[in-house]
Structures are given as C-alpha cells and as structure tokens.
Amino acid sequence: MTGKAGIRGTQSGSIQISKAFIIVEVSHDMASHVLEPLSDGKIKGKRVQTKIDKGR
C-alpha cells in the first residue's frame, strides 16, 4: 500500500489481517487518496476490492 498509494508507513494506523480481508486504518483525508491507486490492484493474481469500512 505504501508504495502503490504513495503514502508513508507512518500515515497508516493499525492493520487487521484475516483470510478474507485486510483492514488498514488511515485518516479520513487519506482514504480516497489510498483507494484510487489500489482499486486496480491484485494479490496473488486475484483482483482486490477496495472500499471504506463503515464499521458496525
């Protein structure tokens, strides 16, 4: 994320990793900046879905 989205590691918060998803905390101001370059990304050859987590 830091390479493709062009942000520093210090600009992200906690990271949650599971088999089905990854959640990376970023500031509200950075969210759209991060989503756009990652929207066409792939992990292990599979296209990734990027979206803003609304929480529960």
N, C-alpha and C. Protein backbone atom coordinates (compact mmCIF):
# COMPACT_ATOMS: atom_id res chain seq x y z
N MET A 1 0.83 -1.19 0.00
CA MET A 1 0.00 0.00 0.00
C MET A 1 0.87 1.25 0.00
N THR A 2 1.91 1.25 0.79
CA THR A 2 2.71 2.46 0.88
C THR A 2 3.39 2.78 -0.45
N GLY A 3 3.82 1.77 -1.18
CA GLY A 3 4.46 2.01 -2.47
C GLY A 3 3.48 2.44 -3.55
N LYS A 4 2.42 1.69 -3.72
CA LYS A 4 1.47 1.96 -4.80
C LYS A 4 0.61 3.20 -4.54
N ALA A 5 0.24 3.43 -3.29
CA ALA A 5 -0.61 4.58 -2.97
C ALA A 5 0.21 5.83 -2.68
N GLY A 6 1.52 5.67 -2.52
CA GLY A 6 2.38 6.82 -2.32
C GLY A 6 2.28 7.47 -0.95
N ILE A 7 1.96 6.67 0.07
CA ILE A 7 1.92 7.23 1.42
C ILE A 7 3.03 6.60 2.26
N ARG A 8 3.42 7.27 3.30
CA ARG A 8 4.43 6.75 4.21
C ARG A 8 3.79 5.79 5.21
N GLY A 9 4.58 4.86 5.72
CA GLY A 9 4.08 3.91 6.71
C GLY A 9 3.57 4.59 7.96
N THR A 10 4.11 5.75 8.25
CA THR A 10 3.67 6.50 9.43
C THR A 10 2.29 7.12 9.24
N GLN A 11 1.78 7.12 8.02
CA GLN A 11 0.46 7.68 7.75
C GLN A 11 -0.65 6.66 7.90
N SER A 12 -0.30 5.43 8.22
CA SER A 12 -1.33 4.41 8.44
C SER A 12 -1.33 4.02 9.91
N GLY A 13 -2.48 3.51 10.34
CA GLY A 13 -2.63 3.08 11.73
C GLY A 13 -2.57 1.58 11.84
N SER A 14 -3.46 1.02 12.64
CA SER A 14 -3.44 -0.43 12.85
C SER A 14 -3.86 -1.18 11.59
N ILE A 15 -3.42 -2.43 11.50
CA ILE A 15 -3.72 -3.28 10.36
C ILE A 15 -4.29 -4.58 10.89
N GLN A 16 -5.46 -4.99 10.36
CA GLN A 16 -6.09 -6.26 10.71
C GLN A 16 -6.02 -7.15 9.48
N ILE A 17 -5.51 -8.37 9.65
CA ILE A 17 -5.39 -9.30 8.52
C ILE A 17 -6.14 -10.58 8.85
N SER A 18 -7.02 -10.99 7.93
CA SER A 18 -7.70 -12.27 8.05
C SER A 18 -7.60 -12.97 6.70
N LYS A 19 -8.15 -14.16 6.60
CA LYS A 19 -8.12 -14.88 5.32
C LYS A 19 -8.98 -14.20 4.28
N ALA A 20 -10.03 -13.50 4.71
CA ALA A 20 -10.99 -12.91 3.78
C ALA A 20 -10.76 -11.44 3.48
N PHE A 21 -10.07 -10.72 4.38
CA PHE A 21 -9.92 -9.28 4.17
C PHE A 21 -8.75 -8.72 4.96
N ILE A 22 -8.37 -7.52 4.60
CA ILE A 22 -7.37 -6.75 5.33
C ILE A 22 -7.96 -5.37 5.57
N ILE A 23 -7.88 -4.88 6.80
CA ILE A 23 -8.32 -3.53 7.12
C ILE A 23 -7.10 -2.73 7.54
N VAL A 24 -6.90 -1.60 6.90
CA VAL A 24 -5.79 -0.72 7.23
C VAL A 24 -6.38 0.63 7.62
N GLU A 25 -6.06 1.10 8.81
CA GLU A 25 -6.54 2.40 9.25
C GLU A 25 -5.71 3.51 8.63
N VAL A 26 -6.40 4.46 8.02
CA VAL A 26 -5.78 5.69 7.53
C VAL A 26 -6.70 6.84 7.90
N SER A 27 -6.19 8.04 7.90
CA SER A 27 -7.04 9.19 8.23
C SER A 27 -8.13 9.35 7.17
N HIS A 28 -9.22 9.97 7.56
CA HIS A 28 -10.32 10.20 6.64
C HIS A 28 -9.85 10.96 5.40
N ASP A 29 -8.96 11.92 5.58
CA ASP A 29 -8.44 12.71 4.47
C ASP A 29 -7.63 11.88 3.48
N MET A 30 -6.99 10.82 3.96
CA MET A 30 -6.14 9.99 3.10
C MET A 30 -6.91 8.86 2.42
N ALA A 31 -8.11 8.54 2.89
CA ALA A 31 -8.84 7.36 2.41
C ALA A 31 -9.02 7.34 0.90
N SER A 32 -9.54 8.39 0.31
CA SER A 32 -9.76 8.38 -1.14
C SER A 32 -8.43 8.38 -1.89
N HIS A 33 -7.41 9.00 -1.34
CA HIS A 33 -6.08 9.01 -1.95
C HIS A 33 -5.51 7.59 -2.00
N VAL A 34 -5.82 6.79 -0.98
CA VAL A 34 -5.31 5.42 -0.91
C VAL A 34 -6.15 4.49 -1.79
N LEU A 35 -7.47 4.65 -1.79
CA LEU A 35 -8.35 3.74 -2.52
C LEU A 35 -8.12 3.75 -4.03
N GLU A 36 -7.97 4.91 -4.60
CA GLU A 36 -7.88 5.02 -6.06
C GLU A 36 -6.74 4.19 -6.66
N PRO A 37 -5.49 4.35 -6.21
CA PRO A 37 -4.43 3.57 -6.83
C PRO A 37 -4.50 2.08 -6.53
N LEU A 38 -5.16 1.69 -5.45
CA LEU A 38 -5.27 0.28 -5.11
C LEU A 38 -6.45 -0.42 -5.77
N SER A 39 -7.37 0.34 -6.34
CA SER A 39 -8.59 -0.24 -6.90
C SER A 39 -8.34 -1.17 -8.08
N ASP A 40 -7.22 -1.03 -8.76
CA ASP A 40 -6.91 -1.92 -9.88
C ASP A 40 -5.84 -2.94 -9.50
N GLY A 41 -5.62 -3.12 -8.19
CA GLY A 41 -4.56 -3.99 -7.71
C GLY A 41 -4.94 -5.46 -7.68
N LYS A 42 -3.92 -6.30 -7.53
CA LYS A 42 -4.10 -7.74 -7.40
C LYS A 42 -3.19 -8.25 -6.31
N ILE A 43 -3.64 -9.29 -5.63
CA ILE A 43 -2.83 -10.01 -4.66
C ILE A 43 -2.85 -11.47 -5.06
N LYS A 44 -1.68 -12.05 -5.28
CA LYS A 44 -1.55 -13.43 -5.74
C LYS A 44 -2.40 -13.68 -6.99
N GLY A 45 -2.42 -12.71 -7.89
CA GLY A 45 -3.13 -12.85 -9.15
C GLY A 45 -4.62 -12.59 -9.09
N LYS A 46 -5.15 -12.32 -7.92
CA LYS A 46 -6.59 -12.07 -7.79
C LYS A 46 -6.83 -10.59 -7.57
N ARG A 47 -7.84 -10.08 -8.27
CA ARG A 47 -8.21 -8.68 -8.15
C ARG A 47 -8.70 -8.39 -6.73
N VAL A 48 -8.30 -7.26 -6.19
CA VAL A 48 -8.74 -6.88 -4.85
C VAL A 48 -9.87 -5.88 -4.93
N GLN A 49 -10.72 -5.90 -3.93
CA GLN A 49 -11.81 -4.94 -3.82
C GLN A 49 -11.42 -3.95 -2.73
N THR A 50 -11.50 -2.68 -3.03
CA THR A 50 -11.17 -1.66 -2.05
C THR A 50 -12.42 -0.85 -1.73
N LYS A 51 -12.59 -0.58 -0.45
CA LYS A 51 -13.73 0.23 -0.03
C LYS A 51 -13.46 0.80 1.35
N ILE A 52 -14.22 1.79 1.71
CA ILE A 52 -14.13 2.39 3.03
C ILE A 52 -14.98 1.58 3.98
N ASP A 53 -14.37 1.11 5.06
CA ASP A 53 -15.08 0.31 6.06
C ASP A 53 -15.93 1.25 6.92
N LYS A 54 -17.21 0.98 6.98
CA LYS A 54 -18.14 1.81 7.74
C LYS A 54 -18.22 1.41 9.20
N GLY A 55 -17.61 0.28 9.58
CA GLY A 55 -17.69 -0.20 10.94
C GLY A 55 -19.05 -0.80 11.22
N ARG A 56 -19.27 -1.13 12.47
CA ARG A 56 -20.58 -1.73 12.82
C ARG A 56 -21.15 -1.05 14.01
